[in-house]
């Protein structure tokens, strides 16, 4: 893990650039219009899974008319 040194953080981020790009492409490729709550489930599932892998406690809050809000702590 990178120390608090800005150069170490930058090196750590650059080392994982490919992973970040792939992840962002996956997020961007999922259709999730605000006006169609059901269509938001795939992107919410991906985000929830990713957050849980990072040891966050995740819960969903229903929110009309959207598909809800992800809360991670």
Protein backbone atom coordinates (compact mmCIF):
# COMPACT_ATOMS: atom_id res chain seq x y z
CA UNK A 1 0.00 0.00 0.00
CA UNK A 2 1.20 3.51 -0.75
CA UNK A 3 2.44 5.68 2.07
CA UNK A 4 1.15 9.23 2.56
CA UNK A 5 3.93 10.53 0.33
CA UNK A 6 2.29 12.09 -2.76
CA UNK A 7 4.82 10.48 -5.10
CA UNK A 8 4.16 7.03 -3.66
CA UNK A 9 0.42 7.57 -4.05
CA UNK A 10 0.90 8.68 -7.65
CA UNK A 11 3.05 5.61 -8.38
CA UNK A 12 0.44 3.31 -6.83
CA UNK A 13 -2.35 4.88 -8.89
CA UNK A 14 -0.31 4.70 -12.10
CA UNK A 15 0.50 1.05 -11.43
CA UNK A 16 -3.22 0.23 -11.40
CA UNK A 17 -4.23 2.52 -14.26
CA UNK A 18 -5.36 -0.35 -16.48
CA UNK A 19 -7.64 -1.70 -13.75
CA UNK A 20 -9.20 1.72 -13.22
CA UNK A 21 -9.78 2.27 -16.91
CA UNK A 22 -11.41 -1.16 -17.27
CA UNK A 23 -13.62 -0.51 -14.25
CA UNK A 24 -14.67 2.94 -15.47
CA UNK A 25 -15.44 1.53 -18.92
CA UNK A 26 -17.66 -1.09 -17.29
CA UNK A 27 -19.50 1.58 -15.31
CA UNK A 28 -19.90 3.87 -18.31
CA UNK A 29 -21.22 1.06 -20.51
CA UNK A 30 -24.18 0.32 -18.22
CA UNK A 31 -27.33 2.15 -19.26
CA UNK A 32 -28.96 3.64 -16.14
CA UNK A 33 -31.35 6.51 -16.86
CA UNK A 34 -32.76 8.20 -13.76
CA UNK A 35 -36.30 7.89 -15.07
CA UNK A 36 -36.08 4.07 -15.30
CA UNK A 37 -35.39 2.68 -11.81
CA UNK A 38 -35.22 -0.96 -12.95
CA UNK A 39 -32.41 -0.14 -15.38
CA UNK A 40 -30.25 1.08 -12.51
CA UNK A 41 -29.96 -2.33 -10.84
CA UNK A 42 -26.94 -3.55 -12.88
CA UNK A 43 -24.80 -0.50 -12.11
CA UNK A 44 -25.91 -0.49 -8.48
CA UNK A 45 -25.00 -4.18 -8.20
CA UNK A 46 -21.53 -3.51 -9.61
CA UNK A 47 -20.94 -0.58 -7.26
CA UNK A 48 -22.24 -2.46 -4.22
CA UNK A 49 -20.03 -5.46 -5.01
CA UNK A 50 -16.98 -3.24 -5.43
CA UNK A 51 -17.65 -1.38 -2.20
CA UNK A 52 -18.11 -4.62 -0.26
CA UNK A 53 -14.82 -5.95 -1.66
CA UNK A 54 -13.23 -2.84 -0.14
CA UNK A 55 -14.80 -3.78 3.24
CA UNK A 56 -17.50 -1.12 3.23
CA UNK A 57 -20.82 -1.80 4.90
CA UNK A 58 -23.36 -1.08 2.18
CA UNK A 59 -27.08 -0.43 2.29
CA UNK A 60 -29.65 0.81 -0.19
CA UNK A 61 -32.16 3.54 0.49
CA UNK A 62 -35.28 3.62 -1.66
CA UNK A 63 -35.70 6.91 -3.45
CA UNK A 64 -38.53 7.74 -5.80
CA UNK A 65 -38.45 8.18 -8.76
CA UNK A 66 -34.87 6.87 -9.05
CA UNK A 67 -33.67 3.36 -8.33
CA UNK A 68 -32.42 4.33 -4.88
CA UNK A 69 -29.30 5.54 -3.14
CA UNK A 70 -26.24 3.52 -2.19
CA UNK A 71 -24.86 4.34 1.26
CA UNK A 72 -21.41 2.96 2.09
CA UNK A 73 -19.74 3.36 5.48
